[in-house]
Amino acid sequence: MAPMRLAIKISWFIIRLINISLLVRFLICLALFFGLSA
């Protein structure tokens, strides 16, 4: 039971990290786009 819980926690952590990095990348692209058009 314990290893299963650990695996779920780790997978959630990885998913969260990926989501944060994608969000940051999206915000940077948005900032660059507005910076170039301004």
C-alpha atoms as a PDB file:
ATOM      1  CA  MET A   1       0.000   0.000   0.000  1.00  0.00           C
ATOM      2  CA  ALA A   2       2.766   2.450   0.912  1.00  0.00           C
ATOM      3  CA  PRO A   3       4.710   2.215  -2.398  1.00  0.00           C
ATOM      4  CA  MET A   4       1.466   2.791  -4.296  1.00  0.00           C
ATOM      5  CA  ARG A   5       0.775   5.971  -2.326  1.00  0.00           C
ATOM      6  CA  LEU A   6       4.336   7.164  -2.892  1.00  0.00           C
ATOM      7  CA  ALA A   7       4.038   6.580  -6.635  1.00  0.00           C
ATOM      8  CA  ILE A   8       0.798   8.592  -6.746  1.00  0.00           C
ATOM      9  CA  LYS A   9       2.429  11.436  -4.795  1.00  0.00           C
ATOM     10  CA  ILE A  10       5.451  11.458  -7.113  1.00  0.00           C
ATOM     11  CA  SER A  11       3.299  11.423 -10.251  1.00  0.00           C
ATOM     12  CA  TRP A  12       1.199  14.322  -8.915  1.00  0.00           C
ATOM     13  CA  PHE A  13       4.404  16.240  -8.145  1.00  0.00           C
ATOM     14  CA  ILE A  14       5.722  15.653 -11.683  1.00  0.00           C
ATOM     15  CA  ILE A  15       2.409  16.700 -13.247  1.00  0.00           C
ATOM     16  CA  ARG A  16       2.417  19.873 -11.155  1.00  0.00           C
ATOM     17  CA  LEU A  17       6.005  20.685 -12.191  1.00  0.00           C
ATOM     18  CA  ILE A  18       5.164  20.150 -15.872  1.00  0.00           C
ATOM     19  CA  ASN A  19       2.071  22.356 -15.582  1.00  0.00           C
ATOM     20  CA  ILE A  20       4.061  25.127 -13.884  1.00  0.00           C
ATOM     21  CA  SER A  21       6.829  25.008 -16.510  1.00  0.00           C
ATOM     22  CA  LEU A  22       4.267  25.100 -19.340  1.00  0.00           C
ATOM     23  CA  LEU A  23       2.513  28.052 -17.716  1.00  0.00           C
ATOM     24  CA  VAL A  24       5.822  29.910 -17.304  1.00  0.00           C
ATOM     25  CA  ARG A  25       6.741  29.211 -20.934  1.00  0.00           C
ATOM     26  CA  PHE A  26       3.330  30.463 -22.065  1.00  0.00           C
ATOM     27  CA  LEU A  27       3.694  33.675 -20.021  1.00  0.00           C
ATOM     28  CA  ILE A  28       7.201  34.282 -21.409  1.00  0.00           C
ATOM     29  CA  CYS A  29       5.947  33.812 -24.984  1.00  0.00           C
ATOM     30  CA  LEU A  30       3.084  36.194 -24.271  1.00  0.00           C
ATOM     31  CA  ALA A  31       5.465  38.794 -22.821  1.00  0.00           C
ATOM     32  CA  LEU A  32       7.801  38.478 -25.819  1.00  0.00           C
ATOM     33  CA  PHE A  33       4.886  38.810 -28.234  1.00  0.00           C
ATOM     34  CA  PHE A  34       3.593  41.974 -26.550  1.00  0.00           C
ATOM     35  CA  GLY A  35       7.148  43.307 -26.264  1.00  0.00           C
ATOM     36  CA  LEU A  36       7.747  42.876 -29.997  1.00  0.00           C
ATOM     37  CA  SER A  37       4.379  44.316 -31.036  1.00  0.00           C
ATOM     38  CA  ALA A  38       4.629  47.312 -28.672  1.00  0.00           C
END
